[in-house]
Amino acid sequence: MLLTIISTVIVLGILIFVHELGHFILSKKMGVKVLKFSLGFGPKLIGKKMGETEYQISVFPLGGFVKLLGENPEEEVKEVDRYRSFSVAPIWKRALIIGAGPFFNFFLAVVIFSLINMFVGIPLPPSSKIGEISPGLPAESAGLKKGDTILSIDGVAIDQWDDLSKIIRGSEGKELLLKVKRDGEALDIKVTPKPSTQKNLFGEEVQTFIIGITPFEEGVVQKVNPVTALGTGFLQTWNGIQLTVIGIIKIIQRVIPAKEIGSPIMIAKLAGEQAKKGVLSLAIFTAIISINLGLINLFPIPILDGGHFLFLGLEAILRKPLSIKKMEIAQQVGLIFIIFLMLFAIYNDLIRYFFPGGFGF
């Protein structure tokens, strides 16, 4: 329990700090005055004013905020400070400040993945060496054996398992000629893939073709230089963003059940589990959650960063800011939506972890 609490505080603390740091740094760079930098919401626990900004830690750790001068257009701003007000800054400056939070979350993921790639290594893709043969499927009937290495299929050279898998899945059931290396000898083996219905990453049933083989688990990683580590880190983060977006779409399409939506309770549970596995697992988990946090904040929901982007877009189209009344109503609606979504997620986690049989009603 103590490990779960500590790991959760570390993960959420880092993610919130990095997100708000993005807003903070860009505000400073854009010449907008920062009045307050807070980790957490609610009453202040500790705080100190340094220069023109008050830095504080508040009671509720599930968030944070940066308070900018003139963030509320109705706020009274001294004439001498007016040029440093957020509300009078050009739209492009305000957009950069708003977008800096999610961007820093994505960049944190890049940094974490890059450091892992450089100091731990990049997992090498599985080779075309066969690990296991499933009984009763075409590979066994054709005479393939564990330890065989597939060199080519229909004359197409094979280096990695992904290449092999792609050809088999797209074969449409046509007979394939495999050149196989076994005990130093090259053999030609014909095999006809069998149609199969399988579930993908999101639980959808998809039609594919298989022969009944699995890759040889080599578990090889390779340390890389900083440039390659950074490039791969960007690619891993981009893949994480794409996967998260697809997952969200699948939830909206009800392919993934809504009961899979989790709250900070799930984050705490998973953070504790990853911490038990070690620092590496916890770091990867932090990167994944950072990607999720960055994307969620870009949702066009008033009160989130994406909602502010929506207001800026409307301001650009209408050539004037929305009225304070309309923005307040929109933010109230957005807040209610977020509260209900959070309550729903908490309900899911209570059922998932504490009351698997339901509440009895």
Protein backbone atom coordinates (compact mmCIF):
# COMPACT_ATOMS: atom_id res chain seq x y z
CA MET A 1 0.00 0.00 0.00
CA LEU A 2 2.79 2.43 0.92
CA LEU A 3 4.60 1.68 -2.35
CA THR A 4 1.38 2.32 -4.28
CA ILE A 5 0.87 5.68 -2.57
CA ILE A 6 4.48 6.78 -3.09
CA SER A 7 4.58 5.69 -6.74
CA THR A 8 1.23 7.39 -7.46
CA VAL A 9 2.38 10.65 -5.88
CA ILE A 10 5.61 10.50 -7.89
CA VAL A 11 3.88 9.75 -11.21
CA LEU A 12 1.08 12.31 -10.83
CA GLY A 13 3.44 14.87 -9.33
CA ILE A 14 5.81 14.62 -12.30
CA LEU A 15 3.01 14.71 -14.89
CA ILE A 16 1.24 17.69 -13.33
CA PHE A 17 4.47 19.59 -12.76
CA VAL A 18 5.64 19.08 -16.36
CA HIS A 19 2.24 20.08 -17.79
CA GLU A 20 2.02 23.29 -15.78
CA LEU A 21 5.70 23.99 -16.37
CA GLY A 22 4.90 24.12 -20.08
CA HIS A 23 2.28 26.82 -19.54
CA PHE A 24 4.62 28.63 -17.13
CA ILE A 25 7.69 28.70 -19.42
CA LEU A 26 5.76 29.75 -22.54
CA SER A 27 3.96 32.48 -20.58
CA LYS A 28 7.31 33.86 -19.48
CA LYS A 29 8.73 33.60 -23.01
CA MET A 30 5.66 35.36 -24.46
CA GLY A 31 5.95 38.19 -21.93
CA VAL A 32 2.74 37.33 -20.02
CA LYS A 33 2.92 37.84 -16.25
CA VAL A 34 2.50 34.68 -14.14
CA LEU A 35 0.77 35.40 -10.83
CA LYS A 36 0.63 31.87 -9.41
CA PHE A 37 2.06 28.42 -10.08
CA SER A 38 0.21 25.70 -8.14
CA LEU A 39 0.57 21.94 -7.90
CA GLY A 40 -2.85 20.71 -6.82
CA PHE A 41 -6.18 22.44 -6.33
CA GLY A 42 -8.02 23.77 -3.30
CA PRO A 43 -6.62 25.38 -0.14
CA LYS A 44 -2.91 26.15 -0.08
CA LEU A 45 -0.70 23.84 1.97
CA ILE A 46 2.59 25.63 1.51
CA GLY A 47 3.61 28.52 -0.67
CA LYS A 48 6.26 31.12 -1.28
CA LYS A 49 6.38 34.22 -3.43
CA MET A 50 9.49 34.59 -5.53
CA GLY A 51 9.68 37.66 -7.70
CA GLU A 52 6.27 38.35 -9.20
CA THR A 53 5.03 34.74 -8.98
CA GLU A 54 3.64 32.82 -6.00
CA TYR A 55 4.58 29.12 -5.99
CA GLN A 56 2.37 26.78 -3.95
CA ILE A 57 1.32 23.21 -3.26
CA SER A 58 -2.41 22.75 -2.63
CA VAL A 59 -4.50 20.12 -0.86
CA PHE A 60 -5.93 18.14 -3.78
CA PRO A 61 -3.10 16.66 -5.90
CA LEU A 62 -5.21 15.65 -8.94
CA GLY A 63 -4.25 18.61 -11.06
CA GLY A 64 -2.62 22.01 -10.95
CA PHE A 65 -2.81 25.43 -12.52
CA VAL A 66 -0.90 28.50 -13.63
CA LYS A 67 -2.71 31.78 -12.96
CA LEU A 68 -1.88 34.46 -15.51
CA LEU A 69 -2.43 38.19 -15.35
CA GLY A 70 -5.59 39.07 -17.26
CA GLU A 71 -6.58 35.45 -17.79
CA ASN A 72 -10.11 36.57 -16.97
CA PRO A 73 -10.94 39.36 -19.46
CA GLU A 74 -13.04 41.08 -16.76
CA GLU A 75 -10.10 41.16 -14.36
CA GLU A 76 -8.93 44.65 -13.50
CA VAL A 77 -5.40 45.16 -14.78
CA LYS A 78 -3.24 48.20 -14.04
CA GLU A 79 -2.44 50.20 -17.14
CA VAL A 80 1.29 49.77 -16.54
CA ASP A 81 0.84 45.96 -16.66
CA ARG A 82 -1.67 45.85 -19.47
CA TYR A 83 0.93 44.87 -22.09
CA ARG A 84 1.68 41.76 -19.98
CA SER A 85 -1.95 40.66 -19.76
CA PHE A 86 -2.95 37.32 -21.25
CA SER A 87 -6.26 38.61 -22.60
CA VAL A 88 -4.65 41.33 -24.73
CA ALA A 89 -1.93 39.05 -26.15
CA PRO A 90 -2.30 38.10 -29.84
CA ILE A 91 -4.17 34.88 -30.56
CA TRP A 92 -0.99 33.09 -31.68
CA LYS A 93 0.74 33.87 -28.39
CA ARG A 94 -2.22 32.64 -26.36
CA ALA A 95 -2.38 29.49 -28.50
CA LEU A 96 1.30 28.73 -27.83
CA ILE A 97 0.83 29.24 -24.09
CA ILE A 98 -2.25 26.97 -24.02
CA GLY A 99 -0.65 24.29 -26.19
CA ALA A 100 2.57 24.22 -24.17
CA GLY A 101 1.04 22.07 -21.41
CA PRO A 102 0.05 19.10 -23.62
CA PHE A 103 3.23 19.55 -25.69
CA PHE A 104 5.39 19.24 -22.57
CA ASN A 105 3.54 16.02 -21.66
CA PHE A 106 4.36 14.59 -25.09
CA PHE A 107 7.94 15.81 -24.79
CA LEU A 108 8.27 14.15 -21.37
CA ALA A 109 7.34 10.84 -23.00
CA VAL A 110 9.99 11.45 -25.68
CA VAL A 111 12.61 12.13 -23.00
CA ILE A 112 11.71 9.03 -20.97
CA PHE A 113 11.69 6.74 -24.00
CA SER A 114 14.94 8.25 -25.31
CA LEU A 115 16.76 7.75 -21.99
CA ILE A 116 15.55 4.15 -21.85
CA ASN A 117 16.68 3.58 -25.43
CA MET A 118 20.12 5.00 -24.69
CA PHE A 119 20.87 3.43 -21.30
CA VAL A 120 18.77 0.23 -21.37
CA GLY A 121 18.40 -0.41 -25.06
CA ILE A 122 15.84 -0.79 -27.84
CA PRO A 123 14.14 -4.19 -28.06
CA LEU A 124 15.15 -5.77 -31.33
CA PRO A 125 12.23 -7.06 -33.42
CA PRO A 126 11.80 -10.87 -33.36
CA SER A 127 13.70 -12.69 -36.08
CA SER A 128 12.04 -15.16 -38.44
CA LYS A 129 13.06 -18.06 -36.20
CA ILE A 130 10.12 -20.25 -35.17
CA GLY A 131 9.44 -20.68 -31.47
CA GLU A 132 6.42 -22.94 -31.12
CA ILE A 133 4.30 -24.97 -33.52
CA SER A 134 0.57 -25.13 -32.76
CA PRO A 135 -0.78 -28.69 -33.08
CA GLY A 136 -3.38 -29.41 -35.74
CA LEU A 137 -2.58 -26.34 -37.85
CA PRO A 138 -0.95 -26.06 -41.32
CA ALA A 139 2.62 -25.51 -40.04
CA GLU A 140 2.63 -28.86 -38.26
CA SER A 141 1.09 -30.64 -41.25
CA ALA A 142 3.67 -29.08 -43.59
CA GLY A 143 6.54 -30.34 -41.43
CA LEU A 144 7.81 -27.07 -39.93
CA LYS A 145 9.64 -27.50 -36.62
CA LYS A 146 10.60 -25.43 -33.60
CA GLY A 147 13.93 -23.69 -34.26
CA ASP A 148 13.46 -23.45 -38.02
CA THR A 149 14.39 -20.08 -39.52
CA ILE A 150 12.30 -18.89 -42.44
CA LEU A 151 14.60 -17.29 -45.02
CA SER A 152 12.05 -16.36 -47.70
CA ILE A 153 8.42 -16.77 -48.76
CA ASP A 154 7.69 -17.14 -52.48
CA GLY A 155 11.13 -15.74 -53.19
CA VAL A 156 10.69 -12.67 -50.95
CA ALA A 157 13.53 -12.47 -48.40
CA ILE A 158 12.43 -12.48 -44.76
CA ASP A 159 14.51 -10.83 -42.01
CA GLN A 160 11.98 -10.10 -39.26
CA TRP A 161 8.90 -11.77 -37.86
CA ASP A 162 6.69 -8.84 -38.82
CA ASP A 163 7.54 -9.37 -42.50
CA LEU A 164 6.72 -13.06 -42.19
CA SER A 165 3.46 -12.42 -40.34
CA LYS A 166 2.33 -9.76 -42.82
CA ILE A 167 2.74 -12.09 -45.81
CA ILE A 168 0.92 -14.96 -44.11
CA ARG A 169 -1.97 -12.79 -42.93
CA GLY A 170 -2.37 -11.30 -46.40
CA SER A 171 -2.05 -14.59 -48.27
CA GLU A 172 -5.83 -15.04 -48.71
CA GLY A 173 -5.29 -18.76 -48.20
CA LYS A 174 -2.99 -19.28 -51.18
CA GLU A 175 -0.23 -21.88 -50.94
CA LEU A 176 3.13 -20.40 -49.94
CA LEU A 177 6.61 -21.69 -50.68
CA LEU A 178 8.88 -21.26 -47.67
CA LYS A 179 12.65 -21.56 -47.81
CA VAL A 180 13.64 -22.77 -44.34
CA LYS A 181 17.02 -23.10 -42.66
CA ARG A 182 17.23 -26.17 -40.37
CA ASP A 183 20.49 -27.43 -38.84
CA GLY A 184 22.51 -25.55 -41.45
CA GLU A 185 20.53 -27.00 -44.35
CA ALA A 186 18.11 -25.08 -46.61
CA LEU A 187 14.74 -26.75 -47.21
CA ASP A 188 11.74 -25.87 -49.38
CA ILE A 189 8.43 -26.37 -47.58
CA LYS A 190 4.98 -25.63 -48.96
CA VAL A 191 2.23 -24.53 -46.58
CA THR A 192 -1.32 -23.28 -47.09
CA PRO A 193 -2.52 -20.70 -44.49
CA LYS A 194 -5.83 -21.38 -42.80
CA PRO A 195 -8.55 -18.73 -42.31
CA SER A 196 -9.02 -17.73 -38.68
CA THR A 197 -11.09 -15.29 -36.62
CA GLN A 198 -9.00 -13.54 -33.98
CA LYS A 199 -9.31 -10.57 -31.67
CA ASN A 200 -7.11 -7.53 -32.20
CA LEU A 201 -5.65 -5.22 -29.57
CA PHE A 202 -9.04 -3.57 -29.01
CA GLY A 203 -11.01 -6.81 -28.71
CA GLU A 204 -12.51 -6.61 -32.21
CA GLU A 205 -12.91 -9.83 -34.15
CA VAL A 206 -10.96 -9.73 -37.42
CA GLN A 207 -10.63 -12.24 -40.23
CA THR A 208 -7.07 -13.31 -40.97
CA PHE A 209 -4.95 -16.26 -42.08
CA ILE A 210 -2.56 -18.31 -39.95
CA ILE A 211 -0.29 -21.34 -40.19
CA GLY A 212 0.17 -21.86 -36.44
CA ILE A 213 3.63 -20.61 -35.51
CA THR A 214 4.96 -18.20 -32.86
CA PRO A 215 8.27 -16.29 -32.80
CA PHE A 216 11.30 -17.50 -30.93
CA GLU A 217 11.50 -15.32 -27.81
CA GLU A 218 15.03 -13.94 -27.89
CA GLY A 219 14.50 -10.88 -25.69
CA VAL A 220 17.45 -9.03 -27.21
CA VAL A 221 17.91 -5.28 -26.64
CA GLN A 222 20.49 -3.00 -28.20
CA LYS A 223 21.84 0.21 -26.70
CA VAL A 224 21.94 3.03 -29.23
CA ASN A 225 23.62 6.41 -29.58
CA PRO A 226 21.83 9.58 -28.38
CA VAL A 227 20.67 10.62 -31.87
CA THR A 228 19.12 7.21 -32.61
CA ALA A 229 17.69 7.07 -29.08
CA LEU A 230 16.00 10.45 -29.52
CA GLY A 231 14.66 9.61 -32.98
CA THR A 232 13.26 6.32 -31.74
CA GLY A 233 11.86 8.12 -28.68
CA PHE A 234 9.90 10.46 -30.95
CA LEU A 235 8.64 7.48 -32.98
CA GLN A 236 7.60 5.57 -29.84
CA THR A 237 5.75 8.64 -28.54
CA TRP A 238 4.01 9.14 -31.91
CA ASN A 239 2.96 5.48 -31.93
CA GLY A 240 1.65 5.93 -28.38
CA ILE A 241 -0.37 8.99 -29.45
CA GLN A 242 -1.86 7.11 -32.42
CA LEU A 243 -2.73 4.09 -30.28
CA THR A 244 -4.38 6.28 -27.65
CA VAL A 245 -6.42 8.17 -30.26
CA ILE A 246 -7.60 4.90 -31.80
CA GLY A 247 -8.50 3.61 -28.34
CA ILE A 248 -10.59 6.72 -27.65
CA ILE A 249 -12.35 6.33 -30.99
CA LYS A 250 -13.07 2.68 -30.19
CA ILE A 251 -14.63 3.73 -26.87
CA ILE A 252 -16.85 6.25 -28.67
CA GLN A 253 -17.79 3.54 -31.18
CA ARG A 254 -18.50 1.24 -28.20
CA VAL A 255 -16.04 -1.34 -29.50
CA ILE A 256 -14.24 -0.96 -26.18
CA PRO A 257 -16.82 -1.00 -23.36
CA ALA A 258 -17.22 2.21 -21.36
CA LYS A 259 -16.58 0.18 -18.21
CA GLU A 260 -12.90 0.12 -19.23
CA ILE A 261 -12.62 3.86 -18.50
CA GLY A 262 -10.56 4.29 -15.35
CA SER A 263 -10.06 7.01 -12.76
CA PRO A 264 -7.03 8.00 -10.66
CA ILE A 265 -7.80 4.85 -8.66
CA MET A 266 -6.76 2.80 -11.69
CA ILE A 267 -3.67 4.96 -12.17
CA ALA A 268 -2.73 4.37 -8.53
CA LYS A 269 -3.32 0.64 -8.85
CA LEU A 270 -1.24 0.36 -12.03
CA ALA A 271 1.48 2.66 -10.67
CA GLY A 272 1.86 0.38 -7.65
CA GLU A 273 2.04 -2.71 -9.85
CA GLN A 274 4.68 -1.15 -12.12
CA ALA A 275 6.71 0.09 -9.16
CA LYS A 276 6.92 -3.50 -7.87
CA LYS A 277 8.41 -4.54 -11.23
CA GLY A 278 11.09 -1.87 -11.00
CA VAL A 279 12.05 1.66 -11.98
CA LEU A 280 12.09 0.82 -15.70
CA SER A 281 8.47 -0.37 -15.71
CA LEU A 282 7.37 2.67 -13.69
CA ALA A 283 9.18 5.00 -16.10
CA ILE A 284 7.48 3.44 -19.14
CA PHE A 285 4.11 3.67 -17.35
CA THR A 286 4.77 7.37 -16.61
CA ALA A 287 5.50 8.01 -20.29
CA ILE A 288 2.27 6.28 -21.36
CA ILE A 289 0.15 8.21 -18.84
CA SER A 290 1.88 11.44 -19.91
CA ILE A 291 0.78 10.80 -23.50
CA ASN A 292 -2.77 10.14 -22.31
CA LEU A 293 -2.80 13.31 -20.21
CA GLY A 294 -1.55 15.41 -23.11
CA LEU A 295 -4.24 14.06 -25.44
CA ILE A 296 -7.09 14.35 -22.95
CA ASN A 297 -6.20 18.00 -22.34
CA LEU A 298 -6.57 18.65 -26.07
CA PHE A 299 -10.22 17.53 -26.07
CA PRO A 300 -12.40 20.50 -27.17
CA ILE A 301 -14.15 20.60 -23.81
CA PRO A 302 -14.41 23.99 -22.08
CA ILE A 303 -12.19 24.04 -18.96
CA LEU A 304 -9.55 21.87 -20.67
CA ASP A 305 -6.76 23.26 -22.86
CA GLY A 306 -8.63 22.01 -25.92
CA GLY A 307 -11.63 24.08 -24.85
CA HIS A 308 -9.46 27.20 -24.76
CA PHE A 309 -8.26 26.34 -28.28
CA LEU A 310 -11.93 26.17 -29.28
CA PHE A 311 -12.55 29.66 -27.87
CA LEU A 312 -9.48 31.00 -29.69
CA GLY A 313 -10.67 29.43 -32.95
CA LEU A 314 -14.07 31.05 -32.62
CA GLU A 315 -12.40 34.36 -31.76
CA ALA A 316 -10.30 34.12 -34.92
CA ILE A 317 -13.36 33.34 -37.06
CA LEU A 318 -15.63 35.99 -35.50
CA ARG A 319 -12.75 38.49 -35.24
CA LYS A 320 -13.74 39.24 -31.66
CA PRO A 321 -13.61 37.37 -28.33
CA LEU A 322 -16.65 35.45 -27.16
CA SER A 323 -18.68 37.22 -24.51
CA ILE A 324 -17.69 36.50 -20.91
CA LYS A 325 -21.19 35.19 -20.24
CA LYS A 326 -21.02 32.64 -23.05
CA MET A 327 -17.56 31.44 -21.99
CA GLU A 328 -18.69 31.09 -18.38
CA ILE A 329 -21.71 29.02 -19.40
CA ALA A 330 -19.56 26.84 -21.66
CA GLN A 331 -17.00 26.30 -18.88
CA GLN A 332 -19.74 25.40 -16.40
CA VAL A 333 -21.08 22.82 -18.86
CA GLY A 334 -17.56 21.52 -19.40
CA LEU A 335 -16.95 21.28 -15.67
CA ILE A 336 -20.19 19.36 -15.12
CA PHE A 337 -19.25 16.98 -17.94
CA ILE A 338 -15.79 16.37 -16.44
CA ILE A 339 -17.27 15.81 -12.97
CA PHE A 340 -19.78 13.26 -14.27
CA LEU A 341 -17.08 11.53 -16.34
CA MET A 342 -14.84 11.34 -13.27
CA LEU A 343 -17.68 9.96 -11.13
CA PHE A 344 -18.40 7.36 -13.80
CA ALA A 345 -14.70 6.39 -13.95
CA ILE A 346 -14.53 6.13 -10.15
CA TYR A 347 -17.65 3.95 -10.17
CA ASN A 348 -15.97 1.68 -12.73
CA ASP A 349 -12.89 1.35 -10.55
CA LEU A 350 -14.89 0.68 -7.39
CA ILE A 351 -16.63 -2.18 -9.21
CA ARG A 352 -13.33 -3.34 -10.74
CA TYR A 353 -11.21 -3.38 -7.59
CA PHE A 354 -13.43 -3.31 -4.51
CA PHE A 355 -16.97 -4.50 -5.34
CA PRO A 356 -16.69 -6.98 -8.23
CA GLY A 357 -20.18 -8.26 -7.42
CA GLY A 358 -21.70 -4.79 -7.70
CA PHE A 359 -23.32 -2.65 -5.05
CA GLY A 360 -26.46 -4.75 -4.78
CA PHE A 361 -28.80 -2.42 -6.61
